[in-house]
Protein backbone atom coordinates (compact mmCIF):
# COMPACT_ATOMS: atom_id res chain seq x y z
CA MET A 1 -117.60 -32.26 44.57
CA PHE A 2 -115.08 -34.69 46.53
CA ILE A 3 -114.98 -32.21 49.49
CA GLN A 4 -118.74 -31.61 49.49
CA LYS A 5 -118.96 -35.58 49.80
CA ALA A 6 -116.28 -35.86 52.28
CA TRP A 7 -118.56 -33.03 54.77
CA ARG A 8 -121.32 -34.82 53.81
CA THR A 9 -120.14 -38.20 55.41
CA ALA A 10 -118.36 -36.61 58.28
CA ALA A 11 -121.42 -34.49 59.15
CA PHE A 12 -123.73 -38.10 58.87
CA GLY A 13 -121.27 -39.64 61.25
CA LEU A 14 -121.14 -37.13 63.78
CA TYR A 15 -125.02 -36.26 63.43
CA GLY A 16 -125.65 -39.94 63.46
CA PHE A 17 -123.28 -40.87 66.54
CA ASN A 18 -125.04 -38.34 68.62
CA HIS A 19 -128.73 -38.98 67.77
CA PHE A 20 -129.24 -42.27 65.92
CA THR A 21 -127.99 -44.52 68.53
CA LYS A 22 -129.66 -45.93 71.63
CA SER A 23 -128.15 -43.32 73.82
CA GLY A 24 -129.81 -40.98 71.21
CA PHE A 25 -133.45 -42.67 71.51
CA LEU A 26 -133.11 -42.39 75.03
CA GLU A 27 -132.45 -38.67 75.37
CA HIS A 28 -135.21 -37.97 72.66
CA ALA A 29 -137.62 -40.11 74.53
CA LYS A 30 -137.55 -37.89 77.68
CA LYS A 31 -139.87 -35.81 75.45
CA PHE A 32 -142.20 -38.54 74.34
CA ARG A 33 -145.98 -38.13 75.50
CA GLU A 34 -147.52 -41.62 77.13
CA GLU A 35 -150.86 -40.44 75.80
CA ASP A 36 -149.53 -40.64 72.09
CA MET A 37 -149.47 -44.26 72.39
CA GLN A 38 -152.94 -44.69 73.98
CA ILE A 39 -154.83 -44.37 70.86
CA ARG A 40 -156.53 -47.54 69.49
CA LEU A 41 -156.70 -48.89 65.85
CA ASP A 42 -159.35 -51.40 66.16
CA GLY A 43 -161.07 -51.70 62.58
CA LYS A 44 -158.85 -50.57 60.93
CA ASN A 45 -156.34 -52.15 58.36
CA CYS A 46 -152.74 -52.02 58.08
CA LEU A 47 -150.25 -53.47 55.72
CA VAL A 48 -146.67 -53.79 56.42
CA THR A 49 -144.00 -55.06 54.16
CA GLY A 50 -140.82 -56.87 55.44
CA ALA A 51 -142.63 -58.18 58.35
CA ASN A 52 -141.05 -61.31 59.73
CA SER A 53 -137.99 -59.74 60.96
CA GLY A 54 -136.33 -56.13 62.25
CA ILE A 55 -138.14 -53.05 62.22
CA GLY A 56 -141.17 -54.83 60.14
CA PHE A 57 -141.82 -57.38 63.12
CA ALA A 58 -141.55 -54.80 65.71
CA THR A 59 -143.69 -52.45 63.48
CA ALA A 60 -146.73 -55.17 62.71
CA GLU A 61 -146.40 -56.09 66.55
CA GLY A 62 -146.89 -52.75 67.75
CA LEU A 63 -149.91 -51.91 65.68
CA ALA A 64 -151.29 -55.38 66.25
CA SER A 65 -151.15 -54.46 69.65
CA HIS A 66 -153.09 -51.48 69.72
CA GLY A 67 -156.21 -53.59 67.76
CA ALA A 68 -155.30 -53.11 64.26
CA THR A 69 -156.17 -55.89 61.43
CA VAL A 70 -152.63 -56.35 60.30
CA TYR A 71 -151.32 -58.07 56.78
CA MET A 72 -147.66 -58.81 57.04
CA VAL A 73 -146.37 -59.17 53.70
CA CYS A 74 -143.37 -61.58 53.77
CA ARG A 75 -141.15 -63.30 51.29
CA ASN A 76 -140.62 -66.67 52.99
CA LYS A 77 -143.34 -68.47 53.96
CA GLU A 78 -141.90 -70.32 56.64
CA ARG A 79 -140.19 -67.26 58.59
CA GLY A 80 -143.57 -65.39 57.66
CA GLU A 81 -145.74 -67.99 59.64
CA ALA A 82 -143.32 -68.15 62.54
CA ALA A 83 -143.68 -64.28 62.88
CA LEU A 84 -147.37 -64.47 62.47
CA ASN A 85 -147.83 -66.87 64.98
CA GLN A 86 -145.57 -65.19 67.33
CA ILE A 87 -147.47 -61.95 66.80
CA ARG A 88 -150.73 -63.31 67.48
CA SER A 89 -149.74 -65.06 70.59
CA LYS A 90 -148.07 -62.25 72.16
CA THR A 91 -150.96 -59.80 71.41
CA GLY A 92 -153.79 -61.73 71.61
CA ASN A 93 -154.91 -60.40 68.22
CA ALA A 94 -156.34 -63.14 65.75
CA ASN A 95 -156.75 -60.40 63.09
CA VAL A 96 -153.14 -60.68 61.89
CA HIS A 97 -152.60 -62.11 58.22
CA LEU A 98 -149.53 -63.27 56.38
CA GLU A 99 -149.31 -62.26 52.61
CA ILE A 100 -146.42 -63.73 50.65
CA CYS A 101 -144.53 -61.62 48.03
CA ASP A 102 -141.00 -61.30 46.81
CA LEU A 103 -140.58 -57.51 46.59
CA SER A 104 -137.69 -57.79 44.29
CA SER A 105 -140.43 -58.86 41.66
CA ILE A 106 -142.43 -56.15 40.48
CA ASN A 107 -144.37 -58.67 38.69
CA GLN A 108 -145.04 -60.31 41.99
CA VAL A 109 -145.84 -56.69 43.51
CA LYS A 110 -148.36 -56.44 41.06
CA SER A 111 -150.30 -59.78 41.64
CA PHE A 112 -150.24 -59.07 45.16
CA ALA A 113 -151.62 -55.72 44.74
CA THR A 114 -154.31 -56.88 42.60
CA LYS A 115 -155.27 -59.56 44.96
CA PHE A 116 -155.39 -56.84 47.91
CA THR A 117 -157.29 -54.06 46.26
CA SER A 118 -159.70 -56.59 45.12
CA MET A 119 -160.63 -57.44 48.81
CA ASP A 120 -162.54 -54.30 48.34
CA LYS A 121 -161.22 -53.15 51.55
CA PRO A 122 -160.11 -49.75 53.18
CA LEU A 123 -156.12 -49.48 53.94
CA HIS A 124 -155.93 -47.20 56.56
CA VAL A 125 -151.90 -47.52 56.97
CA LEU A 126 -149.43 -48.66 54.31
CA VAL A 127 -145.95 -49.21 56.10
CA ASN A 128 -143.18 -49.52 53.06
CA ASN A 129 -140.71 -51.32 55.48
CA ALA A 130 -138.96 -53.94 53.29
CA GLY A 131 -135.30 -52.94 52.31
CA LEU A 132 -132.29 -54.62 51.20
CA LEU A 133 -128.67 -53.21 51.28
CA GLU A 134 -126.60 -56.09 48.42
CA HIS A 135 -123.11 -54.97 48.28
CA LYS A 136 -122.38 -57.04 45.21
CA HIS A 137 -124.25 -55.75 41.67
CA GLU A 138 -126.90 -58.31 41.26
CA ILE A 139 -129.57 -57.62 38.50
CA THR A 140 -133.04 -59.50 39.21
CA ALA A 141 -134.71 -62.10 36.91
CA GLU A 142 -136.81 -58.90 35.43
CA GLY A 143 -133.25 -56.92 35.00
CA LEU A 144 -133.43 -54.39 37.80
CA GLU A 145 -130.58 -53.85 40.12
CA LEU A 146 -131.77 -55.83 43.26
CA ASN A 147 -131.40 -52.80 45.87
CA PHE A 148 -133.40 -50.33 43.56
CA ALA A 149 -135.97 -53.16 42.95
CA VAL A 150 -136.70 -53.63 46.39
CA ASN A 151 -136.13 -50.40 47.85
CA VAL A 152 -137.48 -48.04 45.12
CA ALA A 153 -139.57 -50.11 42.50
CA ALA A 154 -141.19 -52.17 44.85
CA THR A 155 -142.28 -49.40 47.54
CA TYR A 156 -143.38 -47.24 44.34
CA THR A 157 -145.34 -49.74 42.51
CA LEU A 158 -147.22 -51.27 45.63
CA THR A 159 -148.07 -47.77 46.85
CA GLU A 160 -149.56 -46.52 43.56
CA LEU A 161 -151.37 -49.76 43.12
CA VAL A 162 -153.04 -49.76 46.36
CA MET A 163 -154.03 -46.22 46.21
CA PRO A 164 -157.98 -47.05 45.73
CA SER A 165 -157.73 -49.03 48.79
CA LEU A 166 -156.06 -46.34 50.28
CA GLU A 167 -158.91 -43.71 49.36
CA LYS A 168 -161.23 -45.98 50.95
CA ALA A 169 -160.02 -45.01 54.00
CA ALA A 170 -159.67 -41.20 53.46
CA PRO A 171 -159.20 -39.02 54.96
CA ASP A 172 -157.58 -41.11 57.63
CA ALA A 173 -155.54 -42.89 55.09
CA ARG A 174 -151.66 -42.77 55.52
CA VAL A 175 -148.25 -44.16 54.07
CA ILE A 176 -145.40 -44.55 56.13
CA THR A 177 -141.98 -45.20 54.22
CA VAL A 178 -139.06 -46.50 56.39
CA ALA A 179 -136.23 -44.60 54.87
CA SER A 180 -132.47 -43.95 56.52
CA GLY A 181 -130.40 -41.51 57.89
CA GLY A 182 -128.09 -42.49 55.31
CA MET A 183 -129.82 -40.86 52.66
CA TYR A 184 -128.25 -37.62 53.75
CA THR A 185 -124.99 -38.74 52.39
CA GLU A 186 -126.48 -38.58 48.72
CA PRO A 187 -128.41 -36.03 46.33
CA LEU A 188 -131.44 -37.40 44.19
CA ASN A 189 -129.61 -39.23 41.63
CA LYS A 190 -131.12 -39.88 38.16
CA ASP A 191 -128.98 -42.53 37.73
CA LEU A 192 -131.47 -44.98 39.28
CA GLN A 193 -129.69 -48.49 38.75
CA PHE A 194 -126.12 -47.15 39.08
CA THR A 195 -124.99 -47.86 35.59
CA GLU A 196 -122.40 -45.03 35.75
CA GLY A 197 -118.94 -45.68 37.57
CA THR A 198 -117.77 -48.55 40.03
CA PHE A 199 -120.87 -50.24 41.85
CA ASP A 200 -121.12 -49.44 45.65
CA GLY A 201 -123.84 -51.17 47.63
CA THR A 202 -123.85 -48.59 50.28
CA GLN A 203 -124.18 -45.50 48.02
CA GLN A 204 -126.92 -47.31 45.97
CA TYR A 205 -128.68 -47.74 49.24
CA ALA A 206 -128.61 -44.10 50.42
CA ARG A 207 -129.42 -43.27 46.84
CA ASN A 208 -132.21 -45.25 47.07
CA LYS A 209 -133.45 -43.93 50.40
CA ARG A 210 -133.10 -40.23 49.42
CA VAL A 211 -135.40 -41.37 46.30
CA GLN A 212 -137.67 -42.50 49.05
CA VAL A 213 -137.85 -39.03 50.87
CA ALA A 214 -138.30 -37.26 47.60
CA LEU A 215 -141.00 -39.36 46.54
CA THR A 216 -142.80 -38.93 49.90
CA GLU A 217 -142.85 -35.37 49.43
CA TRP A 218 -143.99 -35.76 45.74
CA TRP A 219 -146.77 -38.06 46.82
CA ALA A 220 -147.71 -35.21 49.27
CA GLU A 221 -148.37 -32.76 46.68
CA LYS A 222 -149.68 -34.86 44.07
CA SER A 223 -152.10 -36.92 46.34
CA GLY A 224 -153.19 -34.26 48.69
CA ASP A 225 -156.69 -33.86 47.82
CA ARG A 226 -156.86 -37.83 47.73
CA GLY A 227 -157.01 -37.78 52.01
CA VAL A 228 -153.75 -39.92 52.34
CA GLY A 229 -150.94 -38.71 54.28
CA PHE A 230 -147.53 -39.43 53.09
CA TYR A 231 -144.36 -39.68 55.63
CA ALA A 232 -140.86 -40.87 55.57
CA MET A 233 -139.20 -41.78 58.80
CA HIS A 234 -135.72 -42.76 59.70
CA PRO A 235 -135.69 -45.70 62.67
CA GLY A 236 -131.87 -44.67 63.80
CA TRP A 237 -129.36 -47.25 64.00
CA ALA A 238 -131.05 -50.67 65.02
CA ASP A 239 -129.56 -54.00 65.93
CA THR A 240 -131.71 -55.59 63.02
CA PRO A 241 -130.75 -58.82 61.22
CA GLY A 242 -130.29 -56.63 58.36
CA VAL A 243 -127.79 -54.42 59.66
CA ALA A 244 -125.92 -57.06 61.18
CA LYS A 245 -125.76 -58.86 57.77
CA SER A 246 -125.34 -55.75 55.59
CA LEU A 247 -123.16 -53.52 57.80
CA PRO A 248 -121.42 -55.81 60.21
CA GLY A 249 -118.43 -52.82 60.77
CA LEU A 250 -121.06 -50.45 61.88
CA SER A 251 -122.84 -53.45 63.95
CA GLU A 252 -119.41 -54.05 65.90
CA ARG A 253 -118.34 -50.69 66.59
CA LEU A 254 -121.67 -49.61 68.08
CA SER A 255 -122.32 -52.83 69.70
CA GLY A 256 -124.41 -51.98 72.91
CA ASN A 257 -125.39 -48.89 71.66
CA LEU A 258 -127.75 -50.00 68.69
CA ARG A 259 -131.80 -49.39 69.37
CA THR A 260 -133.72 -52.21 69.74
CA ASN A 261 -136.03 -52.96 67.05
CA ASP A 262 -138.98 -51.85 69.05
CA GLU A 263 -137.33 -48.82 69.43
CA GLY A 264 -136.17 -48.72 66.06
CA ALA A 265 -140.08 -49.03 65.02
CA ASP A 266 -141.52 -46.72 67.58
CA THR A 267 -141.83 -43.74 65.41
CA VAL A 268 -143.58 -46.03 62.65
CA VAL A 269 -146.03 -47.06 65.20
CA TRP A 270 -146.06 -43.31 66.70
CA LEU A 271 -147.11 -42.08 63.08
CA ALA A 272 -149.76 -45.05 62.49
CA LEU A 273 -151.52 -43.77 65.96
CA GLN A 274 -151.45 -39.99 65.79
CA PRO A 275 -154.75 -37.71 64.52
CA LYS A 276 -153.39 -36.83 61.00
CA GLU A 277 -153.84 -32.74 62.33
CA LYS A 278 -151.03 -33.46 64.42
CA LEU A 279 -148.73 -34.78 61.44
CA ALA A 280 -147.26 -32.96 58.18
CA SER A 281 -147.65 -34.42 54.92
CA GLY A 282 -144.45 -34.87 52.66
CA ALA A 283 -142.43 -34.66 55.99
CA PHE A 284 -139.66 -36.80 57.34
CA TYR A 285 -139.76 -37.95 60.95
CA PHE A 286 -137.38 -38.97 63.51
CA ASP A 287 -137.93 -40.07 66.84
CA ARG A 288 -141.62 -38.42 66.94
CA ALA A 289 -140.67 -35.23 65.79
CA GLU A 290 -140.14 -33.72 62.02
CA ALA A 291 -136.30 -33.74 61.07
CA PRO A 292 -134.43 -32.01 58.40
CA LYS A 293 -134.32 -33.84 54.96
CA HIS A 294 -130.70 -32.49 54.44
CA LEU A 295 -127.73 -31.33 56.66
CA LYS A 296 -126.49 -28.03 56.56
CA PHE A 297 -124.08 -27.43 53.73
CA ALA A 298 -124.61 -30.87 52.34
CA GLY A 299 -125.91 -29.38 49.00
CA THR A 300 -128.49 -32.15 48.81
CA ALA A 301 -131.59 -29.51 49.07
CA ASP A 302 -131.56 -28.62 45.25
CA SER A 303 -131.72 -32.32 43.78
CA HIS A 304 -135.33 -32.75 44.86
CA ALA A 305 -136.17 -30.34 42.02
CA GLN A 306 -135.08 -33.76 39.90
CA ILE A 307 -138.22 -35.62 41.35
CA ASN A 308 -140.56 -35.42 38.47
CA PRO A 309 -138.40 -36.96 35.67
CA ILE A 310 -137.37 -39.34 38.03
CA VAL A 311 -140.64 -40.68 38.87
CA ASP A 312 -141.44 -40.88 35.11
CA SER A 313 -138.21 -43.11 34.85
CA ILE A 314 -139.37 -45.49 37.70
CA ARG A 315 -143.02 -45.71 36.20
CA SER A 316 -141.52 -46.80 32.78
CA ILE A 317 -139.11 -48.96 34.42
CA CYS A 318 -142.06 -50.56 36.06
CA GLY A 319 -144.30 -50.91 33.53
CA LEU A 320 -146.81 -48.28 34.65
CA SER A 321 -148.18 -45.72 32.18
CA VAL A 322 -146.14 -42.30 32.76
CA ASN A 323 -149.16 -40.37 32.84
CA GLY A 324 -150.92 -42.92 35.26
């Protein structure tokens, strides 16, 4: 167990340094096709969580620059308005809107989802971008471990509850979840809220991201006939405010070799633009290509068999009917 865990960490570090950095992006970009990014999204509705900074801001701006109507979901009204004005000004797209929702509160997520679906608009692209890496063990007012609340519970609840809007955009609808290469270090684990052992925020974040990738597979299998595609992606190691705050060591060590926010968001925007025939629902993407979900000899692949009881647990925790 210990040896395998050490192997995962070492393999992840080596793989990441070769691929997830800015130099990795520039190398992979040599294979990018310019025409892939010339597709327009006029008349299409896109919802982006955590859109006021980092990857979320770059994603919202990228989608708006392609003509999409973008709904930016942000926790802070002031920062959200500043980001909104910046995107409108830079892209010349007036169809960019701000929605306020604190994703650490499942009740707020439910209220927002009800409000959004009541608009009766098709939702072509949902980008589950908002994420959190909190090192301290914190419990929300609703009794959930904070990282889990934002990364897993909110992602699951929002996706499930806006499904009617996504189905209105079928067969072109898609859900893109911004995961992380950190998930390579952890198998799927039923201890969703880290109640066993000494709490480790970095490990919990990696577990959360593994859940997101497994959920993407599960949604693709469960909802394949609804005309909604599901994709997870890794943005690489980008120089975002979140990385600087949560992983200052990584930020310092890789100073000058971290990706820009735009480079981190590149694959999200690419996934939003491509014809669905080019994409594999349930897959994990990195730098505009399908990527492995498990590193060799890491022993994480079999863990995905636990996803059904884990989904039941998430539904129960979030107060959604287990067989809904």
